Amino acid sequence: MEVVGRVCLKERGRDVLVLQRVTSSVMSPSDRPSPTSSGGGAREDDCDKRYVVVSGTPLKILEHLLSDLRLDDQRGAPESRESEMLLDDFLLTYLVFINVRCRGQEEGKDALFRKRKVLQLVSHWSRLYKDFLKEEEHVRSFMKTLYRCVLEDLYEFPTLEKDLKEFQKLLRRRHTVDDCPPNQKSKPAYQQLSLKENCLQLRSSQSETREVICCVHVSADSYLSVHTHPLLEAHELLRIVGLKMDRAEEEMVLAVVSHTGERRVLQPSDCVYSESLTPQGKLVACRRDLTEILPPFTDSAELSRRPVRLLGINTWDVAAALTHLDWSLFKSIHEQELVYYTLSRSPGNAHTAALSVLLQRCNEVQQWVMSEVLMCVSLNKRVQLLKKFIKIAAHCKAQRNLNSAFAIIMGLNTAAVSRLNQTWEKCPGKFKKLFSELELITDPSLNHKAYREAFKRMKPPKIPFMPLLLKDITFIHEGNKTFHDNLVNFEKLHMIADTVRMIRHCQSDQPGNEIIGGDSAEVRASVHHLHIIDNQQTLFELSHKLEPRA
């Protein structure tokens, strides 16, 4: 049945697939309108009409995508690229709805084509997810089972051998099958390939390559945020704390505080992180008598002796160090993490690890800016700090790092900092003008129009403001039903996938020489080791001590 450009496929009197006639156009994520905006799109005159999925049962949606999928020798045409994008939509968002198993019924030539398309779909899925799901037991089981099925099908469909060789390369990259022994290279492919039942390895290098942000408390109301690796040992962390806080390492110990308040001292060679890559508890750097190394920050005598090291470092170098650190975190994020994070499936686990670290980093940069300004007792130095942060934010924007740029601007705009009238009044006019221009990208009016337009003009590589990207996905997820009359709302999945693909677009290139800055130990320490006051009451007390109410 077709009604106003829509085709409804029925089985037993019920709709199982709804297709919409559309104009065929493939746009990059950066060219698409935002999820909450309207308009846009290609002109109908420039595109061919075709049908895409609106809704359906998971089985029928997958059948349609497979029937529309072009094999390798048919790829390259615009309609093929659009079919691949729709398949991408399905693979990025299937966890929103899918809980069914599909089984084909074709025979002969149709069965051969379907089997080749299934292999291509799995290859696309594996390339898309890379090693994101490599640790999942059900994924290992599925890949090995599919491998057995392909081996069995070779007897009936010998022409599958070419596809099987490509699948073998894929499995080797995933460490699922053995390499072919040299003395068997002349044998047919289905005799060469041997399945190794238990050889799919966990990412043993994960603990070596994954980045973490370690929080070690140095007073009752502040902590040191350390960007590091999970194999960090206690003596390494104490050395960092000693350098940052001007304390002798041998005078300190590292303790883990339990929920009952009990303190357990770590030995110098003890690992800070457990095997699950989580801290063993609240970490505290303290004196050997287990008291804090710093008094509460409302003690102005301690603050008056605190050096303001940031004033002696070049602003471009600081911005470049921020951007390189953010990029190292951002490039580790998989698109699928945004879907998991939005759906709150297994929050806090490895499926959202990289995204969670970058979000933590964004929040901490904002808190760091507040802390640095409010810990500066001298009015003149505080004015210099304001100027410094405004220039760093401008440099971050120029380096296409809107995540840190946003965080710095928001840190300067918090109530505890923005109320410092004497400080802002002494800030030169050109800096206040520059700050007003930077504030425009944080303006939420018209669905963050200023930010979206500025970000669209930037070429990759670029780092988006991640909380806003997550807000877009949440808006789509909560504002659209997942099912319409028991059919999966594929239009919703397409909108989610289209937004998630922004990550791919932003990561499509590597930072070049234009973001090179001074790479001294002092510069790295200034952004890798952040001293943060995490108590709002303390921040406001410091603000009022610096500039009491009139």
Protein backbone atom coordinates (compact mmCIF):
# COMPACT_ATOMS: atom_id res chain seq x y z
CA MET A 1 0.00 0.00 0.00
CA GLU A 2 1.34 3.48 -0.92
CA VAL A 3 -0.01 6.69 0.58
CA VAL A 4 1.53 10.12 -0.13
CA GLY A 5 5.04 8.81 -0.84
CA ARG A 6 4.92 6.08 1.80
CA VAL A 7 4.86 2.33 1.23
CA CYS A 8 3.59 -0.01 3.93
CA LEU A 9 4.45 -3.69 3.83
CA LYS A 10 1.93 -5.85 5.65
CA GLU A 11 2.03 -9.42 6.96
CA ARG A 12 -1.09 -11.05 8.37
CA GLY A 13 -2.88 -7.73 8.24
CA ARG A 14 -0.27 -5.83 10.28
CA ASP A 15 2.36 -3.32 9.16
CA VAL A 16 5.87 -4.75 9.38
CA LEU A 17 7.79 -2.16 7.32
CA VAL A 18 7.11 1.46 6.39
CA LEU A 19 9.19 3.11 3.66
CA GLN A 20 9.27 6.78 2.67
CA ARG A 21 10.02 8.12 -0.81
CA VAL A 22 12.83 10.65 -0.45
CA THR A 23 15.41 12.47 -2.53
CA SER A 24 18.76 10.74 -2.47
CA SER A 25 21.42 12.95 -0.94
CA VAL A 26 24.44 12.15 1.16
CA MET A 27 25.68 14.95 3.38
CA SER A 28 28.53 14.96 5.83
CA PRO A 29 27.63 15.39 9.49
CA SER A 30 29.09 18.90 9.52
CA ASP A 31 26.69 19.95 6.74
CA ARG A 32 23.56 18.63 8.42
CA PRO A 33 21.24 20.81 10.50
CA SER A 34 21.31 20.36 14.27
CA PRO A 35 18.83 17.88 15.79
CA THR A 36 16.64 20.67 17.11
CA SER A 37 16.77 22.97 14.09
CA SER A 38 14.72 22.90 10.93
CA GLY A 39 15.37 23.39 7.25
CA GLY A 40 18.38 22.45 5.13
CA GLY A 41 18.86 19.57 2.77
CA ALA A 42 19.69 19.21 -0.89
CA ARG A 43 17.52 20.42 -3.71
CA GLU A 44 15.18 17.78 -5.04
CA ASP A 45 16.18 18.61 -8.62
CA ASP A 46 19.77 17.51 -7.90
CA CYS A 47 18.91 14.12 -6.41
CA ASP A 48 17.27 10.83 -7.38
CA LYS A 49 14.16 9.63 -5.62
CA ARG A 50 14.38 6.43 -3.60
CA TYR A 51 12.80 4.74 -0.57
CA VAL A 52 14.26 4.67 2.93
CA VAL A 53 13.08 3.03 6.14
CA VAL A 54 10.72 5.00 8.37
CA SER A 55 9.80 2.22 10.78
CA GLY A 56 9.47 -1.52 10.93
CA THR A 57 10.22 -4.68 12.83
CA PRO A 58 13.95 -5.27 13.44
CA LEU A 59 13.87 -8.29 11.11
CA LYS A 60 12.25 -6.41 8.22
CA ILE A 61 14.49 -3.37 8.67
CA LEU A 62 17.57 -5.58 8.50
CA GLU A 63 16.19 -7.46 5.48
CA HIS A 64 15.59 -4.16 3.67
CA LEU A 65 19.07 -2.85 4.50
CA LEU A 66 20.65 -6.09 3.28
CA SER A 67 18.63 -6.07 0.05
CA ASP A 68 19.68 -2.45 -0.51
CA LEU A 69 23.34 -3.10 0.30
CA ARG A 70 25.78 -3.11 -2.61
CA LEU A 71 28.57 -5.68 -2.72
CA ASP A 72 32.15 -4.54 -3.25
CA ASP A 73 31.93 -4.74 -7.03
CA GLN A 74 28.76 -2.60 -6.99
CA ARG A 75 29.93 0.12 -4.61
CA GLY A 76 30.83 3.73 -5.39
CA ALA A 77 27.54 5.07 -6.71
CA PRO A 78 25.70 7.76 -4.69
CA GLU A 79 22.85 5.39 -3.88
CA SER A 80 25.39 2.85 -2.64
CA ARG A 81 26.94 5.42 -0.30
CA GLU A 82 23.51 6.29 1.06
CA SER A 83 22.72 2.61 1.61
CA GLU A 84 25.95 2.27 3.56
CA MET A 85 25.02 5.31 5.65
CA LEU A 86 21.64 3.78 6.51
CA LEU A 87 23.42 0.58 7.43
CA ASP A 88 25.72 2.72 9.58
CA ASP A 89 22.61 4.13 11.30
CA PHE A 90 21.45 0.62 12.12
CA LEU A 91 24.81 -0.59 13.42
CA LEU A 92 25.41 2.50 15.58
CA THR A 93 22.00 2.39 17.24
CA TYR A 94 20.81 -1.22 17.24
CA LEU A 95 21.29 -1.54 20.99
CA VAL A 96 18.39 0.92 21.41
CA PHE A 97 15.87 -1.71 20.39
CA ILE A 98 17.14 -4.99 19.01
CA ASN A 99 16.49 -8.25 20.85
CA VAL A 100 15.57 -10.63 18.02
CA ARG A 101 17.34 -13.27 15.98
CA CYS A 102 17.00 -13.39 12.19
CA ARG A 103 17.28 -16.42 9.93
CA GLY A 104 17.28 -16.27 6.13
CA GLN A 105 15.09 -18.53 3.98
CA GLU A 106 16.67 -18.10 0.51
CA GLU A 107 18.19 -20.87 -1.56
CA GLY A 108 20.59 -21.02 -4.50
CA LYS A 109 21.84 -17.76 -5.97
CA ASP A 110 19.71 -15.63 -3.64
CA ALA A 111 21.21 -17.42 -0.65
CA LEU A 112 24.74 -16.80 -1.94
CA PHE A 113 24.11 -13.08 -2.33
CA ARG A 114 22.51 -12.91 1.12
CA LYS A 115 25.45 -14.70 2.71
CA ARG A 116 27.92 -12.34 1.02
CA LYS A 117 25.92 -9.36 2.24
CA VAL A 118 25.83 -10.71 5.79
CA LEU A 119 29.62 -11.05 5.73
CA GLN A 120 29.89 -7.50 4.42
CA LEU A 121 27.53 -6.27 7.14
CA VAL A 122 29.61 -7.96 9.85
CA SER A 123 32.81 -6.55 8.33
CA HIS A 124 31.26 -3.07 8.34
CA TRP A 125 30.19 -3.56 11.95
CA SER A 126 33.66 -4.74 12.98
CA ARG A 127 35.40 -1.85 11.22
CA LEU A 128 32.96 0.59 12.78
CA TYR A 129 33.45 -0.71 16.33
CA LYS A 130 37.15 -1.62 15.95
CA ASP A 131 38.20 -3.03 19.33
CA PHE A 132 35.39 -1.32 21.25
CA LEU A 133 33.58 -4.63 21.94
CA LYS A 134 36.63 -6.85 21.82
CA GLU A 135 36.30 -7.83 25.45
CA GLU A 136 32.65 -8.89 25.16
CA GLU A 137 32.21 -12.66 25.52
CA HIS A 138 29.09 -12.73 23.35
CA VAL A 139 30.97 -10.93 20.55
CA ARG A 140 33.77 -13.50 20.63
CA SER A 141 31.21 -16.29 20.59
CA PHE A 142 29.30 -14.73 17.70
CA MET A 143 32.42 -14.20 15.56
CA LYS A 144 33.58 -17.78 16.10
CA THR A 145 30.12 -19.21 15.37
CA LEU A 146 29.81 -17.16 12.19
CA TYR A 147 33.26 -18.33 11.17
CA ARG A 148 32.21 -21.98 11.55
CA CYS A 149 29.07 -21.34 9.49
CA VAL A 150 31.06 -19.77 6.66
CA LEU A 151 33.46 -22.73 6.62
CA GLU A 152 30.51 -25.12 6.36
CA ASP A 153 28.91 -23.06 3.56
CA LEU A 154 32.09 -23.23 1.45
CA TYR A 155 31.26 -26.80 0.42
CA GLU A 156 27.93 -25.69 -1.05
CA PHE A 157 29.06 -22.21 -2.20
CA PRO A 158 32.74 -22.39 -3.30
CA THR A 159 32.55 -18.81 -4.63
CA LEU A 160 32.41 -17.64 -1.00
CA GLU A 161 36.16 -18.29 -0.78
CA LYS A 162 37.08 -14.70 -1.77
CA ASP A 163 34.72 -13.28 0.86
CA LEU A 164 36.04 -15.75 3.41
CA LYS A 165 39.62 -14.59 2.84
CA GLU A 166 38.58 -11.02 3.59
CA PHE A 167 36.71 -12.25 6.66
CA GLN A 168 39.83 -14.16 7.73
CA LYS A 169 41.86 -10.94 7.61
CA LEU A 170 39.25 -9.32 9.81
CA LEU A 171 39.36 -12.17 12.31
CA ARG A 172 43.14 -12.10 12.42
CA ARG A 173 43.03 -8.42 13.31
CA ARG A 174 40.66 -9.38 16.11
CA HIS A 175 42.94 -12.35 17.11
CA THR A 176 40.10 -14.83 16.61
CA VAL A 177 41.83 -17.37 14.35
CA ASP A 178 45.32 -18.72 13.90
CA ASP A 179 47.53 -17.61 11.06
CA CYS A 180 47.87 -20.25 8.40
CA PRO A 181 50.80 -22.63 8.97
CA PRO A 182 53.39 -22.40 6.15
CA ASN A 183 53.02 -26.06 5.16
CA GLN A 184 49.28 -25.63 4.51
CA LYS A 185 49.39 -22.59 2.19
CA SER A 186 48.67 -24.62 -0.92
CA LYS A 187 45.47 -26.11 0.46
CA PRO A 188 42.02 -24.64 -0.20
CA ALA A 189 40.98 -21.83 2.09
CA TYR A 190 38.41 -23.88 3.95
CA GLN A 191 41.15 -26.40 4.86
CA GLN A 192 43.71 -23.74 5.76
CA LEU A 193 41.69 -21.90 8.38
CA SER A 194 41.70 -23.42 11.85
CA LEU A 195 39.54 -22.03 14.62
CA LYS A 196 41.26 -21.40 17.91
CA GLU A 197 38.56 -21.76 20.51
CA ASN A 198 40.07 -19.75 23.30
CA CYS A 199 42.54 -17.43 21.62
CA LEU A 200 40.52 -14.21 21.36
CA GLN A 201 42.63 -12.11 23.66
CA LEU A 202 41.48 -9.44 25.96
CA ARG A 203 43.06 -6.07 25.36
CA SER A 204 46.15 -6.82 27.44
CA SER A 205 47.59 -3.47 26.48
CA GLN A 206 44.54 -1.62 27.78
CA SER A 207 46.13 -0.83 31.12
CA GLU A 208 49.22 0.41 29.30
CA THR A 209 47.47 2.70 26.79
CA ARG A 210 44.36 3.90 28.56
CA GLU A 211 44.50 7.38 30.08
CA VAL A 212 42.98 8.21 33.45
CA ILE A 213 42.54 11.24 35.66
CA CYS A 214 43.67 10.48 39.20
CA CYS A 215 42.31 12.67 42.02
CA VAL A 216 44.47 12.87 45.13
CA HIS A 217 43.22 15.06 47.97
CA VAL A 218 45.74 17.45 49.51
CA SER A 219 43.42 19.30 51.93
CA ALA A 220 39.90 18.99 53.30
CA ASP A 221 38.55 21.12 50.43
CA SER A 222 40.92 20.60 47.49
CA TYR A 223 42.56 17.91 45.40
CA LEU A 224 45.19 17.52 42.72
CA SER A 225 43.92 16.23 39.36
CA VAL A 226 46.67 14.20 37.70
CA HIS A 227 46.43 13.05 34.08
CA THR A 228 48.30 9.75 34.08
CA HIS A 229 48.23 6.00 33.35
CA PRO A 230 46.55 3.19 35.35
CA LEU A 231 49.87 1.50 36.23
CA LEU A 232 50.75 4.49 38.42
CA GLU A 233 52.52 3.55 41.66
CA ALA A 234 52.26 5.38 44.97
CA HIS A 235 55.80 6.80 44.92
CA GLU A 236 55.22 8.29 41.42
CA LEU A 237 52.08 10.05 42.58
CA LEU A 238 53.79 11.38 45.71
CA ARG A 239 56.61 12.78 43.57
CA ILE A 240 54.05 14.68 41.45
CA VAL A 241 52.26 15.98 44.55
CA GLY A 242 55.58 17.07 46.09
CA LEU A 243 56.60 19.05 42.99
CA LYS A 244 53.19 20.67 42.57
CA MET A 245 52.62 21.55 46.24
CA ASP A 246 56.24 22.38 47.18
CA ARG A 247 56.44 19.56 49.72
CA ALA A 248 59.26 17.08 50.32
CA GLU A 249 58.29 13.65 48.99
CA GLU A 250 59.93 11.84 51.90
CA GLU A 251 57.74 13.73 54.38
CA MET A 252 54.51 12.43 52.83
CA VAL A 253 52.63 9.17 52.50
CA LEU A 254 49.74 8.17 50.26
CA ALA A 255 46.68 6.81 52.02
CA VAL A 256 43.41 5.25 50.90
CA VAL A 257 40.40 6.41 52.91
CA SER A 258 37.51 3.97 53.28
CA HIS A 259 33.83 4.96 53.53
CA THR A 260 34.13 4.63 57.32
CA GLY A 261 37.00 7.15 57.40
CA GLU A 262 39.72 4.60 58.11
CA ARG A 263 43.06 5.37 56.43
CA ARG A 264 45.30 2.67 54.96
CA VAL A 265 48.81 3.72 53.93
CA LEU A 266 50.01 2.53 50.52
CA GLN A 267 53.55 1.26 50.16
CA PRO A 268 55.75 3.13 47.61
CA SER A 269 55.54 0.28 45.08
CA ASP A 270 51.79 -0.26 45.52
CA CYS A 271 49.62 0.34 42.44
CA VAL A 272 47.17 3.21 42.87
CA TYR A 273 44.60 1.52 40.63
CA SER A 274 43.03 -1.90 41.03
CA GLU A 275 42.84 -4.48 38.24
CA SER A 276 39.46 -3.05 37.24
CA LEU A 277 41.21 0.28 36.50
CA THR A 278 39.42 2.08 39.32
CA PRO A 279 41.08 3.76 42.31
CA GLN A 280 41.18 1.60 45.43
CA GLY A 281 39.36 4.35 47.33
CA LYS A 282 39.62 8.06 48.10
CA LEU A 283 43.30 8.94 47.77
CA VAL A 284 44.85 11.38 50.24
CA ALA A 285 48.39 12.73 50.27
CA CYS A 286 49.18 13.41 53.92
CA ARG A 287 51.97 13.82 56.40
CA ARG A 288 53.42 10.78 58.07
CA ASP A 289 51.14 11.40 61.06
CA LEU A 290 48.22 11.06 58.56
CA THR A 291 47.18 14.74 58.78
CA GLU A 292 46.53 16.80 55.61
CA ILE A 293 49.56 18.46 54.05
CA LEU A 294 47.56 21.68 53.60
CA PRO A 295 45.12 23.43 55.93
CA PRO A 296 41.65 24.42 54.65
CA PHE A 297 41.92 27.13 51.99
CA THR A 298 39.99 29.65 54.03
CA ASP A 299 43.34 30.13 55.80
CA SER A 300 44.56 33.22 53.92
CA ALA A 301 48.05 32.96 55.47
CA GLU A 302 48.71 29.81 53.43
CA LEU A 303 47.39 31.45 50.25
CA SER A 304 49.61 34.50 50.63
CA ARG A 305 52.69 32.25 50.33
CA ARG A 306 51.38 30.39 47.29
CA PRO A 307 53.27 31.15 44.03
CA VAL A 308 51.21 31.85 40.89
CA ARG A 309 53.28 29.76 38.45
CA LEU A 310 50.86 30.16 35.55
CA LEU A 311 51.81 33.85 35.17
CA GLY A 312 55.29 32.87 34.03
CA ILE A 313 54.16 30.54 31.22
CA ASN A 314 53.38 31.55 27.63
CA THR A 315 49.62 31.51 26.95
CA TRP A 316 49.91 29.84 23.53
CA ASP A 317 52.02 27.06 25.05
CA VAL A 318 49.40 26.47 27.77
CA ALA A 319 46.58 26.40 25.20
CA ALA A 320 48.55 24.01 22.97
CA ALA A 321 49.20 21.70 25.94
CA LEU A 322 45.48 21.77 26.81
CA THR A 323 44.57 20.99 23.20
CA HIS A 324 47.06 18.12 22.89
CA LEU A 325 45.81 16.59 26.15
CA ASP A 326 42.16 17.00 25.14
CA TRP A 327 42.89 15.53 21.71
CA SER A 328 44.56 12.47 23.23
CA LEU A 329 41.38 11.90 25.25
CA PHE A 330 38.98 12.81 22.45
CA LYS A 331 40.54 10.58 19.80
CA SER A 332 40.05 7.60 22.15
CA ILE A 333 36.27 8.09 22.22
CA HIS A 334 34.25 5.65 20.12
CA GLU A 335 30.99 6.84 18.59
CA GLN A 336 29.12 4.08 20.38
CA GLU A 337 30.08 5.52 23.77
CA LEU A 338 27.71 8.43 23.21
CA VAL A 339 24.82 6.01 22.59
CA TYR A 340 25.66 3.96 25.71
CA TYR A 341 26.03 7.13 27.78
CA THR A 342 22.68 8.51 26.62
CA LEU A 343 20.83 5.27 27.22
CA SER A 344 22.53 4.86 30.63
CA ARG A 345 23.29 1.25 29.94
CA SER A 346 25.90 0.03 32.41
CA PRO A 347 26.94 3.57 33.40
CA GLY A 348 30.54 3.99 34.48
CA ASN A 349 31.80 0.80 32.83
CA ALA A 350 34.34 0.35 30.05
CA HIS A 351 31.74 1.15 27.38
CA THR A 352 31.86 4.85 28.31
CA ALA A 353 35.35 5.04 29.85
CA ALA A 354 37.01 7.43 27.37
CA LEU A 355 33.96 9.69 27.17
CA SER A 356 33.69 9.85 30.96
CA VAL A 357 37.34 10.89 31.27
CA LEU A 358 36.92 13.74 28.77
CA LEU A 359 33.74 14.95 30.50
CA GLN A 360 35.57 14.84 33.84
CA ARG A 361 38.42 16.80 32.30
CA CYS A 362 36.06 19.50 30.96
CA ASN A 363 34.48 19.93 34.38
CA GLU A 364 37.87 20.07 36.10
CA VAL A 365 39.27 22.71 33.74
CA GLN A 366 36.31 24.93 34.67
CA GLN A 367 36.95 24.32 38.39
CA TRP A 368 40.69 24.89 37.92
CA VAL A 369 40.09 28.33 36.39
CA MET A 370 37.90 29.29 39.36
CA SER A 371 40.41 27.91 41.86
CA GLU A 372 43.44 29.67 40.35
CA VAL A 373 41.69 33.05 40.34
CA LEU A 374 40.27 32.73 43.85
CA MET A 375 43.52 31.42 45.36
CA CYS A 376 45.35 34.53 44.12
CA VAL A 377 45.41 37.02 47.00
CA SER A 378 47.16 39.87 45.16
CA LEU A 379 44.77 42.10 43.17
CA ASN A 380 47.36 42.93 40.51
CA LYS A 381 48.30 39.27 40.02
CA ARG A 382 44.61 38.35 39.90
CA VAL A 383 44.09 40.84 37.06
CA GLN A 384 47.06 39.28 35.26
CA LEU A 385 45.48 35.85 35.73
CA LEU A 386 42.20 37.05 34.21
CA LYS A 387 44.08 38.33 31.17
CA LYS A 388 45.99 35.07 31.00
CA PHE A 389 42.87 32.89 31.01
CA ILE A 390 41.08 35.09 28.44
CA LYS A 391 44.04 34.72 26.06
CA ILE A 392 44.27 30.96 26.70
CA ALA A 393 40.55 30.59 25.88
CA ALA A 394 41.03 32.58 22.66
CA HIS A 395 44.01 30.41 21.69
CA CYS A 396 42.03 27.22 22.41
CA LYS A 397 39.30 28.46 20.09
CA ALA A 398 41.89 29.25 17.41
CA GLN A 399 43.26 25.71 17.86
CA ARG A 400 39.71 24.35 17.31
CA ASN A 401 39.46 23.06 20.87
CA LEU A 402 36.03 24.27 21.91
CA ASN A 403 35.88 21.84 24.82
CA SER A 404 38.57 23.68 26.81
CA ALA A 405 37.56 27.09 25.43
CA PHE A 406 34.03 26.55 26.77
CA ALA A 407 35.34 25.30 30.13
CA ILE A 408 37.60 28.35 30.65
CA ILE A 409 34.88 30.82 29.68
CA MET A 410 32.37 29.15 31.99
CA GLY A 411 34.93 29.13 34.81
CA LEU A 412 35.39 32.90 34.48
CA ASN A 413 31.62 33.36 34.30
CA THR A 414 30.81 31.54 37.54
CA ALA A 415 29.26 33.65 40.28
CA ALA A 416 32.28 33.42 42.62
CA VAL A 417 34.59 34.89 39.93
CA SER A 418 32.24 37.22 38.03
CA ARG A 419 31.35 39.09 41.26
CA LEU A 420 34.97 40.29 41.67
CA ASN A 421 34.19 43.80 40.42
CA GLN A 422 37.51 45.39 41.41
CA THR A 423 39.40 42.71 39.51
CA TRP A 424 37.30 43.03 36.36
CA GLU A 425 37.40 46.82 36.46
CA LYS A 426 41.22 46.78 36.42
CA CYS A 427 41.23 44.42 33.44
CA PRO A 428 42.14 46.38 30.25
CA GLY A 429 39.30 47.18 27.85
CA LYS A 430 40.70 45.12 24.97
CA PHE A 431 40.68 42.00 27.15
CA LYS A 432 37.12 42.64 28.30
CA LYS A 433 36.11 43.12 24.65
CA LEU A 434 37.84 39.86 23.69
CA PHE A 435 36.10 38.06 26.55
CA SER A 436 32.70 39.41 25.42
CA GLU A 437 33.38 38.03 21.93
CA LEU A 438 34.36 34.65 23.37
CA GLU A 439 31.21 34.59 25.51
CA LEU A 440 29.11 34.63 22.33
CA ILE A 441 29.95 30.99 21.56
CA THR A 442 28.55 29.98 24.96
CA ASP A 443 25.27 31.86 24.34
CA PRO A 444 22.48 29.22 24.56
CA SER A 445 19.91 31.32 22.67
CA LEU A 446 18.42 29.95 19.43
CA ASN A 447 19.63 26.45 20.34
CA HIS A 448 23.27 27.53 20.69
CA LYS A 449 23.23 29.01 17.18
CA ALA A 450 26.47 30.98 17.63
CA TYR A 451 28.40 27.90 18.77
CA ARG A 452 26.99 25.68 16.02
CA GLU A 453 27.81 28.16 13.27
CA ALA A 454 31.34 28.76 14.59
CA PHE A 455 31.96 25.02 14.94
CA LYS A 456 30.60 24.26 11.46
CA ARG A 457 33.10 26.68 9.93
CA MET A 458 36.02 24.86 11.56
CA LYS A 459 37.77 22.11 9.65
CA PRO A 460 38.76 18.84 11.34
CA PRO A 461 40.57 17.95 13.46
CA LYS A 462 38.46 19.75 16.03
CA ILE A 463 37.16 19.05 19.52
CA PRO A 464 33.48 19.81 20.16
CA PHE A 465 32.00 20.84 23.49
CA MET A 466 31.01 17.33 24.51
CA PRO A 467 28.20 18.15 27.01
CA LEU A 468 26.29 19.94 24.24
CA LEU A 469 26.72 17.00 21.85
CA LEU A 470 25.34 14.67 24.53
CA LYS A 471 22.47 17.10 25.12
CA ASP A 472 21.58 16.87 21.42
CA ILE A 473 21.47 13.07 21.54
CA THR A 474 19.42 13.11 24.75
CA PHE A 475 17.00 15.59 23.16
CA ILE A 476 16.48 13.21 20.21
CA HIS A 477 16.18 10.14 22.43
CA GLU A 478 13.70 11.62 24.91
CA GLY A 479 11.77 13.69 22.38
CA ASN A 480 11.02 10.83 19.99
CA LYS A 481 9.42 7.48 20.63
CA THR A 482 11.54 4.42 19.99
CA PHE A 483 8.48 2.48 18.77
CA HIS A 484 5.44 3.51 16.72
CA ASP A 485 2.65 0.91 16.87
CA ASN A 486 5.20 -1.74 17.89
CA LEU A 487 7.46 -0.82 14.95
CA VAL A 488 10.99 0.50 15.50
CA ASN A 489 11.11 4.22 14.75
CA PHE A 490 14.05 4.18 12.33
CA GLU A 491 13.82 7.93 11.74
CA LYS A 492 14.81 8.41 15.39
CA LEU A 493 17.74 6.03 15.00
CA HIS A 494 18.88 7.94 11.92
CA MET A 495 18.84 11.24 13.83
CA ILE A 496 20.82 9.73 16.71
CA ALA A 497 23.37 8.13 14.38
CA ASP A 498 23.70 11.31 12.37
CA THR A 499 24.55 13.27 15.53
CA VAL A 500 26.91 10.58 16.82
CA ARG A 501 28.77 10.58 13.49
CA MET A 502 29.95 14.09 14.35
CA ILE A 503 32.67 12.35 16.37
CA ARG A 504 33.90 10.59 13.23
CA HIS A 505 33.94 13.85 11.30
CA CYS A 506 35.88 15.67 14.03
CA GLN A 507 38.43 12.84 14.32
CA SER A 508 38.93 12.54 10.55
CA ASP A 509 42.30 14.31 10.61
CA GLN A 510 45.25 14.76 12.96
CA PRO A 511 46.46 18.03 14.55
CA GLY A 512 49.17 19.64 12.46
CA ASN A 513 52.16 21.88 13.08
CA GLU A 514 49.92 24.90 13.64
CA ILE A 515 49.28 23.74 17.22
CA ILE A 516 52.90 23.22 18.23
CA GLY A 517 53.79 24.90 21.52
CA GLY A 518 56.62 24.82 24.02
CA ASP A 519 56.82 21.31 25.44
CA SER A 520 58.70 21.97 28.67
CA ALA A 521 58.09 20.06 31.90
CA GLU A 522 56.68 23.26 33.40
CA VAL A 523 54.12 23.65 30.61
CA ARG A 524 53.05 20.00 30.81
CA ALA A 525 52.73 20.15 34.59
CA SER A 526 50.59 23.29 34.35
CA VAL A 527 47.83 21.43 32.50
CA HIS A 528 48.43 17.78 33.48
CA HIS A 529 48.42 18.48 37.23
CA LEU A 530 45.56 20.79 38.22
CA HIS A 531 45.07 21.99 41.81
CA ILE A 532 41.29 22.23 42.26
CA ILE A 533 39.08 23.45 45.09
CA ASP A 534 36.03 21.20 44.93
CA ASN A 535 34.04 22.81 47.74
CA GLN A 536 31.59 25.51 46.59
CA GLN A 537 31.32 26.95 50.07
CA THR A 538 35.10 27.42 50.20
CA LEU A 539 35.10 29.09 46.78
CA PHE A 540 32.46 31.62 47.81
CA GLU A 541 34.21 32.29 51.12
CA LEU A 542 37.46 32.99 49.25
CA SER A 543 35.61 35.25 46.82
CA HIS A 544 34.10 37.33 49.64
CA LYS A 545 37.45 37.51 51.48
CA LEU A 546 39.11 38.86 48.34
CA GLU A 547 36.40 41.43 47.69
CA PRO A 548 33.90 41.80 50.56
CA ARG A 549 30.41 43.03 49.83
CA ALA A 550 30.18 46.83 49.85
